[in-house]
Amino acid sequence: MKFTRHILAAAIALAVIPGHAASPLLEQWNALKAKEPRLQVRDAARQLKVSEAELLATGIGTTVVRLKETDHAPREIMRRALDLGKVMALTRNENGVIETTGTAMRIPKQAEKGSADEAEREARNLNIAGGYLGGPIDLRFQFAKWKYAFAVTQPGRDGAVSRSLQFFDAHGNAVHKLYLRDDANIAVFDKLALEFRNPNQGAPLDVTPAAPKPAAKPDSAIDVKEFQAAWQEMTDVHQFNRIVSEFGLTREQALRLAPGGVVQKIAPQGVRKLLEDASKSQVALMAFLGNGALTQIYSGKVHKVMAADGWFNVLDPDFNLHLRDSALRSGYVVRRAGVTSIEFFDDQGELVVTFFGVRERGKPQPQSWLDLAASLPKA
């Protein structure tokens, strides 16, 4: 009876559209899933020449509710999602996926207000959703790049009902997904889906093609001496992105033009040794993986690592990391403001994942992390 009530509640939340018929795209997707059951959604969308959001939207009226898109709705949905309790948060880019399970921390109201002037505070608050800073679900938002949101209720591979909130950018690319992991909060999920339900469920998505990636500025146009001086003057690793932007560099170009002795190029396959050695030696690390609209962070130790189906994986109970390391083109050990990181880029020059050693605030990184970084195979 309990299971039946949950299914009924899900049907009410989904507000099924009467007479909803399967679209040709849905039929194509179902055929593709039957042929390749392990195919990732992103790869399926590419084969079908549509966006991920358009593929998901084929379930509107049965398993999917389209949520509101205006008035900072994605941010407000994430703020309300703090009430879901234990969740699995998933973020991916073209060649990496990060998944962490836990309960997100909330920001105390006074901390969210801060002490900046009104304009600065308002700008900052546009990327604050009331929590997700630190703790097991650690996220950094760029909400200006979020557009579409959906509540999804469907049978999972194990037969159990899966409930998730799924977010996409204007190009229909997945930005972030939150999966409910606490059945006690099913009613909270259903209420959220109803309150944020888009009144126009059947409207086509206004998906726009992504602009071509701009060409990198030639090295000859860079004031390398000034850039290197700015690098040396960094007092905090978080200043790096601003410096790269000010000099008009790509991230990998910045690493290539860095001052002598602060960057060591390593073999991209070194990511396997990094994770394997971190597992064997139980060296705590931080993994940063993002897609331009969101960066998700894991802090802690890794245990089970293995290769499977073209991916190298961390498969721990509350943390999974999947890296398509065959697509990695380059890796770097980088020292900025006294902090050492390890970064890996794909064959398109896009940053896939960055690792840091876990350290206590105000203290240097552990020697075990520095030794691990120094042991990686040089390129």
Protein backbone atom coordinates (compact mmCIF):
# COMPACT_ATOMS: atom_id res chain seq x y z
CA MET A 1 0.00 0.00 0.00
CA LYS A 2 2.84 2.40 0.83
CA PHE A 3 4.39 1.84 -2.62
CA THR A 4 0.99 2.41 -4.26
CA ARG A 5 0.53 5.72 -2.43
CA HIS A 6 3.94 6.87 -3.62
CA ILE A 7 3.10 6.06 -7.22
CA LEU A 8 -0.21 7.93 -6.88
CA ALA A 9 1.56 10.95 -5.39
CA ALA A 10 4.03 10.91 -8.26
CA ALA A 11 1.20 10.80 -10.81
CA ILE A 12 -0.46 13.80 -9.15
CA ALA A 13 2.81 15.74 -9.14
CA LEU A 14 3.42 14.95 -12.80
CA ALA A 15 -0.05 16.21 -13.81
CA VAL A 16 -0.16 13.96 -16.84
CA ILE A 17 -1.32 15.64 -20.03
CA PRO A 18 -4.44 13.86 -21.35
CA GLY A 19 -3.98 12.23 -24.71
CA HIS A 20 -0.20 12.62 -24.64
CA ALA A 21 1.13 10.45 -27.43
CA ALA A 22 4.62 9.15 -28.00
CA SER A 23 6.61 11.49 -30.26
CA PRO A 24 8.77 10.24 -33.13
CA LEU A 25 11.84 11.30 -31.13
CA LEU A 26 10.69 9.23 -28.14
CA GLU A 27 10.18 6.23 -30.39
CA GLN A 28 13.68 6.68 -31.83
CA TRP A 29 15.14 6.96 -28.34
CA ASN A 30 13.32 3.87 -27.10
CA ALA A 31 14.64 1.94 -30.09
CA LEU A 32 18.17 3.19 -29.43
CA LYS A 33 17.95 2.25 -25.72
CA ALA A 34 16.79 -1.23 -26.65
CA LYS A 35 19.74 -1.58 -29.01
CA GLU A 36 22.32 0.00 -26.67
CA PRO A 37 20.98 -0.19 -23.09
CA ARG A 38 24.20 1.13 -21.54
CA LEU A 39 24.37 4.21 -23.79
CA GLN A 40 24.77 7.48 -21.89
CA VAL A 41 22.04 10.11 -22.40
CA ARG A 42 24.54 12.64 -23.72
CA ASP A 43 25.83 10.16 -26.29
CA ALA A 44 22.26 9.15 -27.22
CA ALA A 45 21.34 12.79 -27.81
CA ARG A 46 24.36 13.19 -30.04
CA GLN A 47 23.40 10.14 -32.10
CA LEU A 48 19.84 11.42 -32.47
CA LYS A 49 21.07 14.93 -33.32
CA VAL A 50 19.13 16.65 -30.53
CA SER A 51 20.04 18.16 -27.17
CA GLU A 52 19.86 16.30 -23.86
CA ALA A 53 17.03 18.59 -22.72
CA GLU A 54 14.98 17.83 -25.83
CA LEU A 55 15.50 14.13 -25.27
CA LEU A 56 14.33 14.36 -21.66
CA ALA A 57 11.36 16.51 -22.69
CA THR A 58 9.94 13.57 -24.66
CA GLY A 59 8.78 12.29 -21.25
CA ILE A 60 6.64 15.36 -20.48
CA GLY A 61 3.16 14.16 -19.66
CA THR A 62 4.29 10.76 -18.40
CA THR A 63 7.49 10.81 -16.37
CA VAL A 64 8.62 14.42 -16.65
CA VAL A 65 7.31 17.79 -15.42
CA ARG A 66 8.73 20.92 -17.02
CA LEU A 67 9.47 23.48 -14.31
CA LYS A 68 9.49 27.27 -14.46
CA GLU A 69 12.33 29.09 -16.18
CA THR A 70 11.73 32.75 -15.27
CA ASP A 71 12.49 34.95 -12.26
CA HIS A 72 15.62 33.05 -11.29
CA ALA A 73 13.55 29.87 -11.03
CA PRO A 74 16.49 27.39 -11.26
CA ARG A 75 18.18 29.11 -8.32
CA GLU A 76 14.98 29.10 -6.29
CA ILE A 77 14.38 25.43 -7.12
CA MET A 78 17.87 24.58 -5.86
CA ARG A 79 17.20 26.64 -2.74
CA ARG A 80 14.01 24.67 -2.09
CA ALA A 81 15.82 21.42 -2.87
CA LEU A 82 17.70 21.86 0.40
CA ASP A 83 14.50 20.46 1.97
CA LEU A 84 14.99 17.13 0.17
CA GLY A 85 17.50 15.91 2.74
CA LYS A 86 19.82 13.19 1.48
CA VAL A 87 20.43 13.45 -2.26
CA MET A 88 22.87 12.31 -4.89
CA ALA A 89 24.28 15.30 -6.77
CA LEU A 90 25.62 14.70 -10.29
CA THR A 91 27.59 17.09 -12.48
CA ARG A 92 29.30 16.25 -15.74
CA ASN A 93 31.22 17.63 -18.65
CA GLU A 94 32.13 15.97 -21.92
CA ASN A 95 34.69 13.60 -20.43
CA GLY A 96 34.01 13.49 -16.70
CA VAL A 97 31.21 12.82 -14.22
CA ILE A 98 31.21 13.48 -10.47
CA GLU A 99 28.55 12.09 -8.11
CA THR A 100 28.35 12.69 -4.36
CA THR A 101 25.70 11.55 -1.91
CA GLY A 102 24.81 13.31 1.32
CA THR A 103 22.82 16.16 2.84
CA ALA A 104 23.69 19.69 1.72
CA MET A 105 24.64 22.27 4.32
CA ARG A 106 22.59 25.45 4.66
CA ILE A 107 24.01 28.97 4.87
CA PRO A 108 23.00 30.92 7.98
CA LYS A 109 20.91 33.92 6.95
CA GLN A 110 23.38 36.43 8.34
CA ALA A 111 26.23 34.79 6.40
CA GLU A 112 24.26 34.98 3.17
CA LYS A 113 23.65 38.72 3.63
CA GLY A 114 27.32 39.54 4.17
CA SER A 115 28.78 43.01 4.60
CA ALA A 116 29.23 44.17 1.00
CA ASP A 117 27.36 47.15 -0.41
CA GLU A 118 23.91 46.56 -1.86
CA ALA A 119 24.91 46.19 -5.54
CA GLU A 120 27.80 43.85 -4.80
CA ARG A 121 25.70 41.80 -2.42
CA GLU A 122 22.91 41.46 -4.97
CA ALA A 123 25.34 40.32 -7.67
CA ARG A 124 26.89 37.76 -5.34
CA ASN A 125 23.53 36.47 -4.15
CA LEU A 126 22.54 35.63 -7.73
CA ASN A 127 24.89 32.63 -7.39
CA ILE A 128 23.87 31.66 -3.85
CA ALA A 129 21.09 29.13 -3.27
CA GLY A 130 21.00 29.16 0.51
CA GLY A 131 23.51 26.36 0.95
CA TYR A 132 25.73 23.80 -0.84
CA LEU A 133 28.96 25.46 0.39
CA GLY A 134 31.15 22.88 2.08
CA GLY A 135 29.81 19.62 3.38
CA PRO A 136 29.20 16.54 1.24
CA ILE A 137 27.23 18.41 -1.46
CA ASP A 138 29.68 21.19 -2.33
CA LEU A 139 28.65 23.28 -5.36
CA ARG A 140 29.71 26.55 -7.01
CA PHE A 141 26.97 28.05 -9.18
CA GLN A 142 26.90 30.23 -12.30
CA PHE A 143 23.12 30.52 -12.51
CA ALA A 144 23.20 32.92 -15.47
CA LYS A 145 24.01 29.87 -17.60
CA TRP A 146 21.10 27.77 -16.28
CA LYS A 147 17.79 27.75 -18.17
CA TYR A 148 15.64 24.61 -18.23
CA ALA A 149 14.55 22.56 -15.21
CA PHE A 150 12.55 19.35 -14.95
CA ALA A 151 11.21 17.09 -12.22
CA VAL A 152 11.58 13.45 -13.27
CA THR A 153 9.82 10.44 -11.74
CA GLN A 154 10.53 7.13 -13.45
CA PRO A 155 11.43 3.50 -12.77
CA GLY A 156 15.13 3.01 -12.20
CA ARG A 157 17.23 0.13 -13.49
CA ASP A 158 16.62 -1.75 -10.23
CA GLY A 159 12.86 -1.35 -10.55
CA ALA A 160 12.60 1.25 -7.79
CA VAL A 161 11.11 4.65 -8.60
CA SER A 162 13.78 7.31 -9.22
CA ARG A 163 13.00 10.96 -8.49
CA SER A 164 15.29 13.72 -9.70
CA LEU A 165 15.57 17.40 -10.51
CA GLN A 166 17.45 17.94 -13.76
CA PHE A 167 18.81 21.27 -15.05
CA PHE A 168 20.06 22.30 -18.49
CA ASP A 169 21.58 25.36 -20.13
CA ALA A 170 20.20 27.33 -23.10
CA HIS A 171 21.85 24.86 -25.49
CA GLY A 172 20.09 21.91 -23.86
CA ASN A 173 23.25 20.56 -22.23
CA ALA A 174 22.96 19.02 -18.77
CA VAL A 175 24.14 21.38 -16.04
CA HIS A 176 23.27 19.44 -12.88
CA LYS A 177 21.05 16.64 -11.54
CA LEU A 178 19.82 15.96 -8.01
CA TYR A 179 18.43 12.51 -7.14
CA LEU A 180 16.29 11.98 -4.06
CA ARG A 181 17.83 9.45 -1.67
CA ASP A 182 15.43 9.81 1.28
CA ASP A 183 12.00 8.24 0.75
CA ALA A 184 10.73 10.15 3.77
CA ASN A 185 10.88 13.29 1.61
CA ILE A 186 8.92 12.04 -1.42
CA ALA A 187 6.07 14.38 -0.50
CA VAL A 188 8.54 17.30 -0.38
CA PHE A 189 9.71 16.41 -3.90
CA ASP A 190 6.14 16.13 -5.21
CA LYS A 191 5.18 19.47 -3.65
CA LEU A 192 8.21 21.17 -5.17
CA ALA A 193 7.29 19.78 -8.61
CA LEU A 194 3.75 21.13 -8.27
CA GLU A 195 4.72 24.58 -6.99
CA PHE A 196 7.33 25.18 -9.70
CA ARG A 197 5.35 23.48 -12.48
CA ASN A 198 5.56 25.41 -15.75
CA PRO A 199 1.99 26.21 -16.87
CA ASN A 200 2.98 25.63 -20.49
CA GLN A 201 4.08 22.00 -20.45
CA GLY A 202 3.71 21.47 -24.19
CA ALA A 203 5.70 24.46 -25.46
CA PRO A 204 8.75 23.53 -27.55
CA LEU A 205 12.12 24.18 -25.96
CA ASP A 206 13.90 27.21 -27.38
CA VAL A 207 17.24 25.46 -27.58
CA THR A 208 19.97 27.53 -29.22
CA PRO A 209 23.20 26.20 -30.74
CA ALA A 210 26.37 26.94 -28.81
CA ALA A 211 28.60 29.61 -30.31
CA PRO A 212 31.87 28.37 -31.80
CA LYS A 213 34.75 28.35 -29.35
CA PRO A 214 36.76 31.55 -29.87
CA ALA A 215 40.29 31.15 -31.15
CA ALA A 216 43.01 31.50 -28.55
CA LYS A 217 44.93 34.76 -28.57
CA PRO A 218 48.37 34.15 -30.12
CA ASP A 219 51.27 34.07 -27.69
CA SER A 220 52.82 37.02 -29.51
CA ALA A 221 49.85 39.17 -28.43
CA ILE A 222 50.36 38.35 -24.75
CA ASP A 223 52.47 40.50 -22.42
CA VAL A 224 54.11 37.38 -21.02
CA LYS A 225 56.40 39.29 -18.66
CA GLU A 226 53.47 41.10 -17.03
CA PHE A 227 51.44 37.89 -16.87
CA GLN A 228 54.27 36.04 -15.15
CA ALA A 229 54.68 38.91 -12.69
CA ALA A 230 50.96 38.77 -11.89
CA TRP A 231 51.28 35.02 -11.34
CA GLN A 232 54.16 35.49 -8.91
CA GLU A 233 52.19 38.15 -7.02
CA MET A 234 49.19 35.90 -6.38
CA THR A 235 48.42 35.58 -2.68
CA ASP A 236 45.45 33.25 -3.10
CA VAL A 237 44.88 30.48 -5.64
CA HIS A 238 41.38 31.87 -6.30
CA GLN A 239 42.93 34.92 -7.96
CA PHE A 240 44.10 32.77 -10.87
CA ASN A 241 40.86 32.85 -12.90
CA ARG A 242 40.72 36.64 -12.73
CA ILE A 243 44.33 36.96 -13.92
CA VAL A 244 43.75 34.54 -16.81
CA SER A 245 40.69 36.56 -17.86
CA GLU A 246 42.46 39.92 -17.59
CA PHE A 247 45.24 38.76 -19.94
CA GLY A 248 42.80 37.13 -22.38
CA LEU A 249 44.33 33.67 -22.05
CA THR A 250 42.88 30.21 -22.23
CA ARG A 251 43.52 28.21 -19.07
CA GLU A 252 45.93 25.79 -20.71
CA GLN A 253 47.73 28.65 -22.47
CA ALA A 254 48.23 30.27 -19.07
CA LEU A 255 49.86 27.10 -17.77
CA ARG A 256 52.12 26.96 -20.80
CA LEU A 257 53.21 30.61 -20.38
CA ALA A 258 53.64 30.37 -16.60
CA PRO A 259 56.87 31.45 -14.87
CA GLY A 260 59.63 28.89 -14.90
CA GLY A 261 59.50 26.17 -12.27
CA VAL A 262 55.82 26.51 -11.26
CA VAL A 263 54.26 24.17 -13.85
CA GLN A 264 55.32 20.63 -14.74
CA LYS A 265 53.65 18.93 -17.69
CA ILE A 266 52.71 15.30 -16.98
CA ALA A 267 51.37 12.40 -19.01
CA PRO A 268 47.56 12.49 -19.19
CA GLN A 269 47.47 8.80 -18.24
CA GLY A 270 48.93 9.93 -14.92
CA VAL A 271 45.37 10.41 -13.69
CA ARG A 272 45.20 6.64 -13.13
CA LYS A 273 48.38 6.60 -11.06
CA LEU A 274 47.13 9.62 -9.12
CA LEU A 275 43.88 7.94 -8.08
CA GLU A 276 45.42 4.51 -7.58
CA ASP A 277 48.18 5.87 -5.34
CA ALA A 278 45.74 8.10 -3.44
CA SER A 279 43.67 4.99 -2.78
CA LYS A 280 46.61 2.84 -1.69
CA SER A 281 48.18 5.53 0.52
CA GLN A 282 44.87 7.03 1.68
CA VAL A 283 45.94 10.55 0.77
CA ALA A 284 42.93 12.86 1.08
CA LEU A 285 42.24 14.94 -2.01
CA MET A 286 39.80 17.45 -3.44
CA ALA A 287 38.31 16.82 -6.90
CA PHE A 288 36.80 19.75 -8.84
CA LEU A 289 34.71 18.92 -11.91
CA GLY A 290 32.53 21.43 -13.74
CA ASN A 291 30.96 22.50 -17.02
CA GLY A 292 31.01 26.30 -16.94
CA ALA A 293 27.60 26.56 -15.27
CA LEU A 294 28.41 24.59 -12.13
CA THR A 295 31.48 23.18 -10.39
CA GLN A 296 31.04 20.27 -7.99
CA ILE A 297 33.69 19.52 -5.37
CA TYR A 298 34.51 16.36 -3.42
CA SER A 299 36.83 16.43 -0.41
CA GLY A 300 38.07 13.25 1.23
CA LYS A 301 39.76 9.92 0.61
CA VAL A 302 39.09 7.50 -2.24
CA HIS A 303 39.00 3.74 -1.91
CA LYS A 304 37.77 1.58 -4.80
CA VAL A 305 39.25 2.54 -8.17
CA MET A 306 38.94 0.61 -11.41
CA ALA A 307 38.83 0.87 -15.20
CA ALA A 308 35.66 -0.16 -17.06
CA ASP A 309 34.16 0.47 -20.51
CA GLY A 310 36.64 3.14 -21.50
CA TRP A 311 36.39 5.06 -18.21
CA PHE A 312 38.58 5.18 -15.11
CA ASN A 313 36.43 5.29 -12.01
CA VAL A 314 36.24 5.89 -8.29
CA LEU A 315 33.38 3.72 -7.01
CA ASP A 316 32.88 4.47 -3.32
CA PRO A 317 29.51 4.29 -1.54
CA ASP A 318 28.99 8.08 -1.36
CA PHE A 319 31.38 9.26 -4.06
CA ASN A 320 31.79 8.27 -7.69
CA LEU A 321 34.14 9.85 -10.23
CA HIS A 322 34.15 8.74 -13.86
CA LEU A 323 36.87 9.99 -16.22
CA ARG A 324 37.10 9.10 -19.91
CA ASP A 325 40.87 9.17 -19.68
CA SER A 326 41.36 8.04 -23.28
CA ALA A 327 40.14 11.54 -24.25
CA LEU A 328 42.66 13.33 -22.02
CA ARG A 329 45.37 15.13 -23.98
CA SER A 330 47.48 16.77 -21.30
CA GLY A 331 48.08 17.07 -17.59
CA TYR A 332 49.91 19.56 -15.38
CA VAL A 333 51.18 19.84 -11.84
CA VAL A 334 50.68 23.52 -10.99
CA ARG A 335 51.91 25.64 -8.09
CA ARG A 336 50.04 28.91 -7.40
CA ALA A 337 50.24 31.01 -4.25
CA GLY A 338 51.94 28.14 -2.45
CA VAL A 339 49.21 25.62 -3.39
CA THR A 340 49.84 22.63 -5.66
CA SER A 341 47.10 21.32 -7.96
CA ILE A 342 46.94 18.69 -10.71
CA GLU A 343 44.88 19.51 -13.81
CA PHE A 344 43.85 17.38 -16.78
CA PHE A 345 42.61 18.67 -20.16
CA ASP A 346 40.86 16.83 -22.97
CA ASP A 347 41.63 16.68 -26.68
CA GLN A 348 39.62 19.88 -27.24
CA GLY A 349 41.69 21.79 -24.69
CA GLU A 350 38.85 21.82 -22.14
CA LEU A 351 39.54 21.38 -18.44
CA VAL A 352 38.07 18.03 -17.33
CA VAL A 353 39.10 17.74 -13.67
CA THR A 354 41.36 19.41 -11.11
CA PHE A 355 42.75 17.85 -7.93
CA PHE A 356 44.12 19.49 -4.77
CA GLY A 357 45.41 18.03 -1.56
CA VAL A 358 43.06 18.45 1.40
CA ARG A 359 44.54 20.83 3.97
CA GLU A 360 43.46 22.59 7.10
CA ARG A 361 42.66 26.28 6.72
CA GLY A 362 45.79 28.40 7.05
CA LYS A 363 48.14 25.40 6.87
CA PRO A 364 50.26 24.10 3.98
CA GLN A 365 49.24 21.07 1.96
CA PRO A 366 50.39 17.74 3.43
CA GLN A 367 53.75 16.42 2.29
CA SER A 368 52.04 13.18 1.24
CA TRP A 369 50.06 15.15 -1.38
CA LEU A 370 53.17 16.95 -2.65
CA ASP A 371 55.03 13.63 -2.89
CA LEU A 372 52.16 12.09 -4.82
CA ALA A 373 52.11 15.02 -7.27
CA ALA A 374 55.88 14.80 -7.77
CA SER A 375 55.66 11.06 -8.51
CA LEU A 376 53.39 11.38 -11.54
CA PRO A 377 54.95 10.50 -14.94
CA LYS A 378 56.37 13.50 -16.76
CA ALA A 379 55.28 14.26 -20.32
